[in-house]
Amino acid sequence: MSKEDIFSGWDKATIKKYQKWQMRTIIVSMIGYAIYYFVRKNFSIAMPGLTAQYGITNTSFGIVIGIGSLIYGLSRFVNGFVVDRFSARAIMAVGLLLCAASNLAFGFGVNISSWITGVDSGPDMVNMLILVMGVTIVFNQFFQGMGYPPCARLLPSWIHPSQLATKMSIWNTSHSIGAALAVVVCGYLMGSLGQDLSSDQGVISRIAANLNLDPTDSDQLKTIMGYARHWDAWKWCFWIPAGIAVCGALWLFVGLRDDPRSVGLPELAATKTGASEVAAEQKSYRKKFLKVMVWTNRWIWTLCIANVFVYVMRMGILDWGPKFLTEDRGMSIEDAAWSVGVFEIFAIVGTIGAGWATDHIFRGKAHRMCLVCMVMAVVFMSLFIFLPGLPVILSIIILAMAGFFIYGPQALIGIASANHATKEASATANGLAGIFGYVGSFLSAIGIGIVADHWGWNMVFYIIIGVGCLGAVTFLTMWLAPRDGYERSNRFFRELKGKALEVNEIEGNVPTGDDTDI
């Protein structure tokens, strides 16, 4: 759609002001949401260090990650309702500030555990550390759920539906930018900071026992010494991102505005849902609207189911990638962090490409591009696991290509949900899709931890590939779905206004003039 069609009837000054605020909203929210990932994905880089020092198992990590994922999904669902009624800007800024507080507390987890148990080491202290870690992660994940719903409300208010896939896909690279920077920065912290205890034989024996490594083997000793030289470095993976998050919260509160009307601009004609025409007459329209646009909308529910499969694939690689690459492929923690960083960089390009293809090839029908992406993600994941003897660089590139495609559906499901529910219910729809996605993340976390401990990493990837196939089939069932729900929304409000007029006629209060035109 041309610029003239989008801004039909607007003067040049209004158009210029609108475009300025639209760009500002996209950039400010992108940077802010990327910072959310600094206080979220740091945990995956800290996990190997926690295992080396305290012997925490994959199963324990899986339980903590899984419970945290469910809490995050629930938080997104709850905050979807909240954001559709209150200030998106305030909620997003406060959420990031609270994430900073929980990360700061996590860094002092050992101190808190020692204070509670009265001992500095041993099984009692480690068990308490796992409990403290779990509680802190749960709080952090709940606060993380205050990050995406505001954006799901903001962006459809500022971007025309015909441009939403392209521009919101660019925005969605904030996931990958934040995650890539987080793992690279935290990987650097893990390899640069901490106390050098490589001369302490007790520490070396402890690390060897926790990692089940043989210190007489030169290659395994190298891994052991790497952790011994950077004892307690994992704490800085929480403290430094917490400081960055405090600055990010201030950035969001100062830089964002909730919608065009909040800065004296009109709303785009194509994003009018008809709500303003009946809001004064029927205060109870909201529940009915959500029922039609979300709760009984088959396309929203199909996207929710698909999101389970997408998140199993995405989080399986992102949360467990560093552990898999260090334990199964023999990489150092720094190299594994860079590998996951490359995965995220490819994902940035893939997300933008998926958004462009959605608008320019599939005419805004995001579900069709999701099908293509899921099929290709399965292909590259299969190559990665079934060809383990390839050179390391080539293996990393193949894994990165899986990231290139898996992030397309992750971004496009949010876009499709926003379009089908319209801007009036976009945060609610995304909250619903989010809770399904993080059910997938929960299953991924619990399942991968248990499977990796009992059947090895190869079985993990066989399961991930099977899940990807199920996701592709789910998207295939949406092939004939429309682009968005604005026609459905306007039909709902026309019917609602018609019923209001019938009531007025019966009561003898017939409106006159334009009010009777439906």
Protein backbone atom coordinates (compact mmCIF):
# COMPACT_ATOMS: atom_id res chain seq x y z
CA MET A 1 0.00 0.00 0.00
CA SER A 2 1.32 3.44 -0.93
CA LYS A 3 2.12 6.24 1.50
CA GLU A 4 -0.71 8.30 0.02
CA ASP A 5 -3.24 5.55 0.76
CA ILE A 6 -2.01 5.07 4.30
CA PHE A 7 -2.09 8.78 5.16
CA SER A 8 -5.11 9.68 3.04
CA GLY A 9 -6.41 13.17 3.91
CA TRP A 10 -3.48 14.07 6.17
CA ASP A 11 -1.38 17.23 5.68
CA LYS A 12 2.41 16.99 5.29
CA ALA A 13 3.19 18.29 8.78
CA THR A 14 0.98 15.64 10.40
CA ILE A 15 2.49 12.89 8.26
CA LYS A 16 6.03 13.99 9.15
CA LYS A 17 5.21 14.09 12.86
CA TYR A 18 3.58 10.66 12.68
CA GLN A 19 6.55 9.10 10.91
CA LYS A 20 8.94 10.63 13.43
CA TRP A 21 7.00 9.18 16.36
CA GLN A 22 6.58 5.83 14.63
CA MET A 23 10.34 5.52 14.11
CA ARG A 24 11.00 6.68 17.67
CA THR A 25 8.60 4.06 19.06
CA ILE A 26 10.20 1.25 17.06
CA ILE A 27 13.78 2.20 17.99
CA VAL A 28 13.16 2.91 21.69
CA SER A 29 11.13 -0.27 22.21
CA MET A 30 13.66 -2.35 20.22
CA ILE A 31 16.56 -1.25 22.40
CA GLY A 32 14.49 -1.60 25.56
CA TYR A 33 13.35 -5.12 24.73
CA ALA A 34 16.89 -6.14 23.73
CA ILE A 35 18.00 -5.09 27.22
CA TYR A 36 15.32 -7.38 28.69
CA TYR A 37 17.35 -10.24 27.18
CA PHE A 38 20.49 -9.12 29.04
CA VAL A 39 18.73 -10.02 32.29
CA ARG A 40 17.20 -13.19 30.87
CA LYS A 41 19.63 -15.12 28.68
CA ASN A 42 22.58 -14.52 30.99
CA PHE A 43 21.48 -17.58 32.96
CA SER A 44 22.31 -20.00 30.11
CA ILE A 45 25.92 -18.78 30.06
CA ALA A 46 26.21 -18.93 33.86
CA MET A 47 24.92 -22.53 34.03
CA PRO A 48 28.22 -24.27 33.11
CA GLY A 49 30.02 -22.27 35.81
CA LEU A 50 27.37 -23.18 38.39
CA THR A 51 27.70 -26.86 37.45
CA ALA A 52 31.51 -26.71 37.71
CA GLN A 53 31.44 -25.09 41.16
CA TYR A 54 28.41 -26.70 42.77
CA GLY A 55 27.61 -29.83 40.73
CA ILE A 56 24.09 -28.71 39.79
CA THR A 57 22.66 -31.22 37.30
CA ASN A 58 20.95 -30.67 33.96
CA THR A 59 17.75 -32.04 35.48
CA SER A 60 17.83 -29.39 38.23
CA PHE A 61 18.49 -26.65 35.70
CA GLY A 62 15.70 -28.04 33.52
CA ILE A 63 13.20 -27.90 36.37
CA VAL A 64 14.16 -24.30 37.20
CA ILE A 65 14.05 -23.20 33.55
CA GLY A 66 10.79 -25.06 32.98
CA ILE A 67 8.98 -23.56 35.96
CA GLY A 68 10.33 -20.14 35.03
CA SER A 69 9.01 -20.60 31.49
CA LEU A 70 5.51 -21.37 32.75
CA ILE A 71 5.61 -18.32 35.00
CA TYR A 72 6.78 -16.19 32.07
CA GLY A 73 3.94 -17.47 29.89
CA LEU A 74 1.41 -16.82 32.65
CA SER A 75 2.85 -13.33 33.16
CA ARG A 76 2.56 -12.53 29.46
CA PHE A 77 -1.04 -13.71 29.54
CA VAL A 78 -1.94 -11.63 32.61
CA ASN A 79 -0.05 -8.57 31.41
CA GLY A 80 -1.77 -8.85 28.02
CA PHE A 81 -5.02 -7.95 29.78
CA VAL A 82 -3.36 -5.26 31.90
CA VAL A 83 -1.60 -3.55 28.99
CA ASP A 84 -4.80 -3.34 26.92
CA ARG A 85 -6.22 -1.18 29.74
CA PHE A 86 -3.28 0.76 31.20
CA SER A 87 -0.08 2.53 30.14
CA ALA A 88 2.13 0.24 28.05
CA ARG A 89 5.12 2.53 28.53
CA ALA A 90 4.96 2.47 32.35
CA ILE A 91 4.47 -1.30 32.53
CA MET A 92 7.44 -2.00 30.24
CA ALA A 93 9.77 0.32 32.16
CA VAL A 94 8.77 -0.97 35.61
CA GLY A 95 9.14 -4.58 34.44
CA LEU A 96 12.74 -4.03 33.34
CA LEU A 97 13.59 -2.29 36.62
CA LEU A 98 12.22 -5.27 38.59
CA CYS A 99 14.22 -7.68 36.39
CA ALA A 100 17.35 -5.74 37.36
CA ALA A 101 16.51 -6.21 41.05
CA SER A 102 15.97 -9.97 40.70
CA ASN A 103 19.25 -10.40 38.77
CA LEU A 104 21.13 -8.49 41.42
CA ALA A 105 19.68 -10.84 44.03
CA PHE A 106 20.63 -13.90 41.96
CA GLY A 107 24.27 -12.80 41.94
CA PHE A 108 24.17 -12.94 45.75
CA GLY A 109 22.45 -16.35 45.72
CA VAL A 110 25.39 -18.15 47.34
CA ASN A 111 25.59 -15.56 50.12
CA ILE A 112 21.84 -15.85 50.76
CA SER A 113 22.04 -19.66 50.80
CA SER A 114 25.00 -19.64 53.20
CA TRP A 115 23.20 -17.19 55.48
CA ILE A 116 20.08 -19.42 55.59
CA THR A 117 21.90 -22.75 56.08
CA GLY A 118 24.82 -21.48 58.18
CA VAL A 119 27.37 -23.37 56.01
CA ASP A 120 29.52 -22.29 53.06
CA SER A 121 29.58 -25.63 51.20
CA GLY A 122 28.12 -29.12 51.15
CA PRO A 123 24.80 -30.59 50.01
CA ASP A 124 22.67 -28.44 52.34
CA MET A 125 24.09 -25.22 50.94
CA VAL A 126 23.85 -26.48 47.31
CA ASN A 127 20.23 -27.58 47.75
CA MET A 128 19.39 -24.20 49.25
CA LEU A 129 21.19 -22.51 46.36
CA ILE A 130 19.01 -24.43 43.90
CA LEU A 131 15.92 -23.30 45.83
CA VAL A 132 17.09 -19.67 45.94
CA MET A 133 18.00 -19.88 42.27
CA GLY A 134 14.53 -21.23 41.47
CA VAL A 135 12.69 -18.54 43.45
CA THR A 136 14.80 -15.76 41.93
CA ILE A 137 14.30 -17.09 38.39
CA VAL A 138 10.53 -17.34 38.97
CA PHE A 139 10.38 -13.68 40.02
CA ASN A 140 12.61 -12.65 37.14
CA GLN A 141 10.48 -14.54 34.61
CA PHE A 142 7.29 -12.96 35.93
CA PHE A 143 8.84 -9.51 35.51
CA GLN A 144 10.09 -10.54 32.05
CA GLY A 145 6.44 -11.05 31.11
CA MET A 146 5.99 -7.28 31.42
CA GLY A 147 8.25 -6.73 28.39
CA TYR A 148 6.53 -8.08 25.28
CA PRO A 149 2.82 -7.32 25.91
CA PRO A 150 3.40 -3.52 25.93
CA CYS A 151 5.16 -3.83 22.55
CA ALA A 152 2.31 -5.97 21.20
CA ARG A 153 0.02 -3.06 22.11
CA LEU A 154 2.29 -0.22 20.99
CA LEU A 155 3.39 -1.37 17.55
CA PRO A 156 -0.01 -2.16 15.96
CA SER A 157 -1.15 1.29 17.16
CA TRP A 158 1.69 2.98 15.29
CA ILE A 159 2.10 0.77 12.18
CA HIS A 160 -0.36 0.19 9.31
CA PRO A 161 -1.44 -3.50 8.91
CA SER A 162 0.05 -3.64 5.39
CA GLN A 163 3.48 -2.76 6.83
CA LEU A 164 3.24 -4.53 10.17
CA ALA A 165 5.01 -7.77 9.18
CA THR A 166 8.02 -5.98 7.67
CA LYS A 167 8.45 -3.35 10.39
CA MET A 168 7.58 -5.59 13.32
CA SER A 169 9.95 -8.25 12.00
CA ILE A 170 12.70 -5.65 12.06
CA TRP A 171 11.60 -4.83 15.60
CA ASN A 172 11.61 -8.54 16.47
CA THR A 173 15.34 -8.67 15.83
CA SER A 174 15.58 -7.14 19.30
CA HIS A 175 15.16 -10.72 20.58
CA SER A 176 18.21 -11.86 18.68
CA ILE A 177 20.25 -8.68 19.19
CA GLY A 178 19.67 -8.82 22.92
CA ALA A 179 20.31 -12.56 23.20
CA ALA A 180 23.43 -12.42 21.01
CA LEU A 181 24.92 -9.49 22.94
CA ALA A 182 23.98 -11.11 26.25
CA VAL A 183 25.68 -14.43 25.50
CA VAL A 184 28.77 -12.78 24.00
CA VAL A 185 29.16 -10.28 26.85
CA CYS A 186 28.49 -12.91 29.51
CA GLY A 187 30.80 -15.35 27.74
CA TYR A 188 33.51 -12.68 27.91
CA LEU A 189 32.77 -12.14 31.62
CA MET A 190 32.98 -15.89 32.27
CA GLY A 191 36.35 -16.05 30.52
CA SER A 192 37.83 -12.84 31.96
CA LEU A 193 36.62 -12.22 35.50
CA GLY A 194 36.53 -14.23 38.70
CA GLN A 195 39.18 -15.44 41.12
CA ASP A 196 42.14 -17.49 39.86
CA LEU A 197 42.20 -20.69 41.94
CA SER A 198 44.03 -22.83 39.40
CA SER A 199 46.78 -23.57 41.94
CA ASP A 200 44.29 -24.94 44.49
CA GLN A 201 44.27 -28.72 44.15
CA GLY A 202 41.07 -28.99 46.17
CA VAL A 203 39.25 -26.72 43.72
CA ILE A 204 40.57 -28.69 40.75
CA SER A 205 39.38 -31.97 42.30
CA ARG A 206 36.00 -30.43 43.07
CA ILE A 207 35.50 -29.20 39.51
CA ALA A 208 36.63 -32.54 38.09
CA ALA A 209 34.13 -34.40 40.26
CA ASN A 210 31.28 -32.03 39.46
CA LEU A 211 31.88 -32.26 35.70
CA ASN A 212 32.80 -35.97 35.80
CA LEU A 213 36.14 -35.23 34.12
CA ASP A 214 39.54 -36.90 34.46
CA PRO A 215 42.24 -34.39 35.53
CA THR A 216 44.95 -36.74 34.22
CA ASP A 217 43.60 -36.33 30.67
CA SER A 218 45.27 -33.26 29.11
CA ASP A 219 42.19 -32.16 27.14
CA GLN A 220 39.85 -32.55 30.11
CA LEU A 221 42.35 -30.84 32.42
CA LYS A 222 42.26 -27.83 30.11
CA THR A 223 38.50 -27.56 30.63
CA ILE A 224 38.90 -27.94 34.40
CA MET A 225 41.58 -25.25 34.58
CA GLY A 226 39.41 -22.90 32.54
CA TYR A 227 36.80 -22.90 35.31
CA ALA A 228 39.40 -22.83 38.11
CA ARG A 229 40.96 -19.64 36.71
CA HIS A 230 37.60 -17.86 36.76
CA TRP A 231 36.03 -18.98 40.00
CA ASP A 232 32.77 -17.08 40.77
CA ALA A 233 32.85 -15.34 37.37
CA TRP A 234 29.21 -16.41 36.89
CA LYS A 235 28.10 -13.82 39.46
CA TRP A 236 29.15 -10.99 37.16
CA CYS A 237 26.82 -12.41 34.50
CA PHE A 238 24.00 -11.14 36.73
CA TRP A 239 25.42 -8.01 38.32
CA ILE A 240 26.59 -6.21 35.17
CA PRO A 241 23.39 -6.90 33.15
CA ALA A 242 21.38 -5.68 36.16
CA GLY A 243 23.12 -2.30 35.93
CA ILE A 244 22.41 -2.12 32.20
CA ALA A 245 18.73 -2.92 32.86
CA VAL A 246 18.36 0.01 35.28
CA CYS A 247 19.52 2.38 32.53
CA GLY A 248 17.18 0.63 30.08
CA ALA A 249 14.14 1.19 32.30
CA LEU A 250 14.79 4.94 32.35
CA TRP A 251 15.28 4.92 28.55
CA LEU A 252 11.87 3.28 28.02
CA PHE A 253 9.93 5.57 30.32
CA VAL A 254 11.36 8.73 28.79
CA GLY A 255 11.27 7.61 25.15
CA LEU A 256 7.89 5.89 24.64
CA ARG A 257 4.30 7.10 24.23
CA ASP A 258 1.29 4.78 24.25
CA ASP A 259 -0.42 5.67 20.95
CA PRO A 260 -0.75 8.45 18.32
CA ARG A 261 -3.58 10.14 20.22
CA SER A 262 -1.30 10.61 23.25
CA VAL A 263 0.84 13.04 21.20
CA GLY A 264 -2.06 14.78 19.44
CA LEU A 265 -2.09 12.67 16.26
CA PRO A 266 -5.06 10.92 14.62
CA GLU A 267 -5.22 7.13 14.38
CA LEU A 268 -4.72 5.51 10.97
CA ALA A 269 -7.97 4.84 9.13
CA ALA A 270 -7.10 1.18 8.46
CA THR A 271 -6.54 0.53 12.18
CA LYS A 272 -9.96 1.79 13.26
CA THR A 273 -11.91 -1.04 14.83
CA GLY A 274 -15.18 0.83 15.42
CA ALA A 275 -14.68 0.75 19.18
CA SER A 276 -14.76 4.53 19.57
CA GLU A 277 -18.21 4.68 17.94
CA VAL A 278 -19.89 2.44 20.52
CA ALA A 279 -17.73 2.94 23.59
CA ALA A 280 -19.95 5.74 24.91
CA GLU A 281 -23.15 3.77 24.26
CA GLN A 282 -22.07 0.33 25.46
CA LYS A 283 -19.53 0.22 28.25
CA SER A 284 -19.67 -3.58 28.31
CA TYR A 285 -18.51 -4.06 24.70
CA ARG A 286 -15.02 -5.11 25.79
CA LYS A 287 -15.90 -8.62 26.96
CA LYS A 288 -17.99 -9.29 23.88
CA PHE A 289 -15.23 -7.99 21.63
CA LEU A 290 -12.60 -10.25 23.23
CA LYS A 291 -14.93 -13.22 22.87
CA VAL A 292 -15.31 -12.63 19.13
CA MET A 293 -11.75 -11.55 18.32
CA VAL A 294 -9.77 -13.83 20.67
CA TRP A 295 -11.64 -16.52 22.62
CA THR A 296 -13.71 -17.89 19.71
CA ASN A 297 -11.29 -16.99 16.91
CA ARG A 298 -10.05 -20.26 15.36
CA TRP A 299 -6.99 -18.59 13.82
CA ILE A 300 -5.80 -17.28 17.20
CA TRP A 301 -6.08 -20.77 18.69
CA THR A 302 -4.25 -22.36 15.76
CA LEU A 303 -1.42 -19.86 16.19
CA CYS A 304 -1.32 -20.67 19.91
CA ILE A 305 -0.92 -24.40 19.23
CA ALA A 306 1.76 -23.72 16.62
CA ASN A 307 3.61 -21.56 19.14
CA VAL A 308 4.11 -24.57 21.42
CA PHE A 309 6.12 -26.34 18.70
CA VAL A 310 8.04 -23.21 17.71
CA TYR A 311 9.18 -22.58 21.29
CA VAL A 312 10.26 -26.18 21.86
CA MET A 313 12.65 -25.77 18.91
CA ARG A 314 13.78 -22.23 19.66
CA MET A 315 14.29 -22.52 23.42
CA GLY A 316 15.80 -25.99 23.12
CA ILE A 317 18.66 -24.51 21.14
CA LEU A 318 18.93 -21.15 22.89
CA ASP A 319 18.71 -22.32 26.51
CA TRP A 320 20.74 -25.50 26.12
CA GLY A 321 23.08 -24.62 23.25
CA PRO A 322 26.05 -23.63 25.42
CA LYS A 323 25.82 -26.82 27.51
CA PHE A 324 25.42 -29.06 24.47
CA LEU A 325 28.34 -27.50 22.61
CA THR A 326 30.65 -27.72 25.64
CA GLU A 327 29.62 -31.21 26.76
CA ASP A 328 28.96 -32.99 23.46
CA ARG A 329 31.05 -31.10 20.90
CA GLY A 330 33.98 -30.27 23.23
CA MET A 331 33.96 -26.47 22.83
CA SER A 332 35.21 -24.02 25.44
CA ILE A 333 32.54 -21.88 27.12
CA GLU A 334 33.79 -18.79 25.24
CA ASP A 335 33.59 -20.56 21.85
CA ALA A 336 30.17 -21.99 22.69
CA ALA A 337 28.95 -18.49 23.59
CA TRP A 338 30.21 -17.17 20.25
CA SER A 339 28.52 -20.06 18.44
CA VAL A 340 25.16 -19.24 20.03
CA GLY A 341 25.87 -15.59 19.24
CA VAL A 342 26.32 -16.49 15.54
CA PHE A 343 23.03 -18.43 15.75
CA GLU A 344 21.35 -15.23 16.96
CA ILE A 345 23.00 -13.07 14.30
CA PHE A 346 21.69 -15.36 11.57
CA ALA A 347 18.33 -15.21 13.31
CA ILE A 348 18.33 -11.40 12.95
CA VAL A 349 18.67 -11.67 9.18
CA GLY A 350 16.13 -14.49 9.05
CA THR A 351 13.56 -12.53 11.06
CA ILE A 352 13.83 -9.49 8.78
CA GLY A 353 13.72 -11.71 5.69
CA ALA A 354 10.62 -13.52 6.96
CA GLY A 355 8.85 -10.21 7.58
CA TRP A 356 9.74 -8.87 4.13
CA ALA A 357 8.61 -12.09 2.43
CA THR A 358 5.34 -12.05 4.38
CA ASP A 359 4.41 -8.57 3.11
CA HIS A 360 5.85 -8.82 -0.41
CA ILE A 361 5.36 -12.48 -1.36
CA PHE A 362 2.48 -13.70 0.82
CA ARG A 363 0.62 -10.33 0.97
CA GLY A 364 0.71 -10.08 4.74
CA LYS A 365 -0.37 -13.70 5.40
CA ALA A 366 2.23 -14.52 8.02
CA HIS A 367 1.06 -18.11 8.54
CA ARG A 368 2.18 -19.07 5.02
CA MET A 369 5.70 -17.81 5.62
CA CYS A 370 5.71 -19.65 8.97
CA LEU A 371 5.13 -22.94 7.14
CA VAL A 372 8.13 -22.34 4.86
CA CYS A 373 10.32 -21.42 7.83
CA MET A 374 9.40 -24.47 9.90
CA VAL A 375 10.14 -26.86 7.03
CA MET A 376 13.57 -25.28 6.45
CA ALA A 377 14.39 -25.22 10.18
CA VAL A 378 13.73 -28.97 10.32
CA VAL A 379 16.00 -29.52 7.31
CA PHE A 380 18.96 -27.70 8.87
CA MET A 381 18.49 -29.20 12.32
CA SER A 382 18.54 -32.63 10.66
CA LEU A 383 21.78 -31.81 8.87
CA PHE A 384 23.32 -30.59 12.13
CA ILE A 385 22.58 -33.73 14.12
CA PHE A 386 22.93 -36.40 11.40
CA LEU A 387 26.28 -35.07 10.12
CA PRO A 388 28.33 -34.69 13.34
CA GLY A 389 31.66 -35.29 11.61
CA LEU A 390 31.58 -32.02 9.67
CA PRO A 391 34.23 -29.35 10.43
CA VAL A 392 33.31 -27.20 13.43
CA ILE A 393 32.85 -24.04 11.34
CA LEU A 394 30.48 -25.79 8.95
CA SER A 395 28.51 -27.28 11.86
CA ILE A 396 28.14 -23.81 13.39
CA ILE A 397 26.91 -22.40 10.07
CA ILE A 398 24.33 -25.20 9.72
CA LEU A 399 23.12 -24.59 13.28
CA ALA A 400 23.00 -20.86 12.53
CA MET A 401 20.86 -21.53 9.43
CA ALA A 402 18.41 -23.36 11.68
CA GLY A 403 18.30 -20.15 13.72
CA PHE A 404 17.82 -18.17 10.50
CA PHE A 405 14.52 -20.02 9.92
CA ILE A 406 13.22 -20.79 13.42
CA TYR A 407 13.07 -17.13 14.41
CA GLY A 408 10.75 -16.34 11.49
CA PRO A 409 7.74 -18.13 13.02
CA GLN A 410 8.67 -16.87 16.50
CA ALA A 411 8.29 -13.28 15.24
CA LEU A 412 5.46 -13.84 12.80
CA ILE A 413 3.13 -15.58 15.27
CA GLY A 414 3.07 -12.37 17.32
CA ILE A 415 2.45 -10.32 14.19
CA ALA A 416 -0.32 -12.64 12.96
CA SER A 417 -1.95 -12.65 16.41
CA ALA A 418 -1.90 -8.85 16.52
CA ASN A 419 -3.42 -8.62 13.04
CA HIS A 420 -6.14 -11.20 13.64
CA ALA A 421 -7.12 -9.74 17.04
CA THR A 422 -6.67 -6.09 15.84
CA LYS A 423 -4.90 -3.42 17.86
CA GLU A 424 -7.79 -3.34 20.37
CA ALA A 425 -6.98 -6.86 21.58
CA SER A 426 -3.46 -7.45 20.27
CA ALA A 427 -1.84 -7.64 23.70
CA THR A 428 -4.47 -10.09 24.95
CA ALA A 429 -4.05 -12.32 21.88
CA ASN A 430 -0.27 -12.20 22.20
CA GLY A 431 -0.56 -12.98 25.90
CA LEU A 432 -2.59 -16.07 25.06
CA ALA A 433 -0.12 -17.13 22.36
CA GLY A 434 2.68 -16.43 24.81
CA ILE A 435 1.38 -18.76 27.49
CA PHE A 436 1.15 -21.54 24.89
CA GLY A 437 4.66 -20.74 23.70
CA TYR A 438 6.04 -21.02 27.18
CA VAL A 439 4.22 -24.25 27.79
CA GLY A 440 6.43 -25.38 24.90
CA SER A 441 9.41 -23.77 26.60
CA PHE A 442 8.53 -25.58 29.86
CA LEU A 443 8.28 -28.92 28.07
CA SER A 444 11.57 -28.16 26.31
CA ALA A 445 13.35 -27.28 29.55
CA ILE A 446 12.12 -30.22 31.62
CA GLY A 447 12.31 -32.72 28.76
CA ILE A 448 15.76 -31.75 27.51
CA GLY A 449 17.28 -31.78 31.00
CA ILE A 450 15.96 -35.29 31.67
CA VAL A 451 16.63 -36.66 28.18
CA ALA A 452 20.19 -35.25 28.11
CA ASP A 453 21.01 -36.82 31.47
CA HIS A 454 19.55 -40.25 30.64
CA TRP A 455 19.73 -40.75 26.85
CA GLY A 456 22.28 -38.21 25.61
CA TRP A 457 22.19 -35.13 23.42
CA ASN A 458 21.46 -36.92 20.13
CA MET A 459 18.05 -38.02 21.41
CA VAL A 460 17.34 -34.40 22.37
CA PHE A 461 17.75 -33.29 18.78
CA TYR A 462 15.71 -36.18 17.37
CA ILE A 463 12.81 -34.97 19.52
CA ILE A 464 13.32 -31.34 18.46
CA ILE A 465 13.21 -32.36 14.78
CA GLY A 466 9.96 -34.30 15.33
CA VAL A 467 8.39 -31.31 17.08
CA GLY A 468 9.37 -29.10 14.13
CA CYS A 469 7.48 -31.42 11.78
CA LEU A 470 4.35 -31.12 13.95
CA GLY A 471 4.66 -27.33 13.83
CA ALA A 472 4.83 -27.35 10.03
CA VAL A 473 1.64 -29.43 9.83
CA THR A 474 -0.14 -26.99 12.18
CA PHE A 475 0.75 -24.00 10.01
CA LEU A 476 -0.41 -25.90 6.93
CA THR A 477 -3.95 -26.02 8.37
CA MET A 478 -3.98 -22.17 8.29
CA TRP A 479 -3.15 -21.84 4.60
CA LEU A 480 -6.56 -20.32 3.67
CA ALA A 481 -6.78 -17.94 6.66
CA PRO A 482 -7.22 -14.16 5.95
CA ARG A 483 -4.48 -11.60 6.61
CA ASP A 484 -6.13 -9.81 9.56
CA GLY A 485 -9.30 -9.43 11.59
CA TYR A 486 -10.23 -5.80 10.95
CA GLU A 487 -13.18 -6.76 8.74
CA ARG A 488 -14.37 -9.14 11.46
CA SER A 489 -13.97 -6.38 14.06
CA ASN A 490 -15.93 -3.77 12.09
CA ARG A 491 -18.69 -6.30 11.43
CA PHE A 492 -18.89 -6.97 15.18
CA PHE A 493 -19.18 -3.27 16.03
CA ARG A 494 -21.77 -2.65 13.29
CA GLU A 495 -23.90 -5.42 14.78
CA LEU A 496 -23.34 -4.09 18.29
CA LYS A 497 -24.34 -0.58 17.28
CA GLY A 498 -27.37 -1.93 15.45
CA LYS A 499 -28.54 -3.69 18.61
CA ALA A 500 -28.07 -0.46 20.57
CA LEU A 501 -30.25 1.41 18.05
CA GLU A 502 -32.98 -1.23 18.33
CA VAL A 503 -33.02 -0.77 22.10
CA ASN A 504 -33.23 3.01 21.67
CA GLU A 505 -36.18 2.64 19.27
CA ILE A 506 -38.06 0.44 21.73
CA GLU A 507 -37.45 2.93 24.54
CA GLY A 508 -38.39 5.89 22.34
CA ASN A 509 -34.87 7.35 22.25
CA VAL A 510 -34.16 7.15 18.54
CA PRO A 511 -30.87 8.91 17.62
CA THR A 512 -30.97 11.30 14.71
CA GLY A 513 -28.62 12.32 11.91
CA ASP A 514 -25.40 10.44 11.31
CA ASP A 515 -25.85 8.37 14.46
CA THR A 516 -28.40 6.20 12.64
CA ASP A 517 -26.00 5.41 9.80
CA ILE A 518 -24.40 2.00 10.29
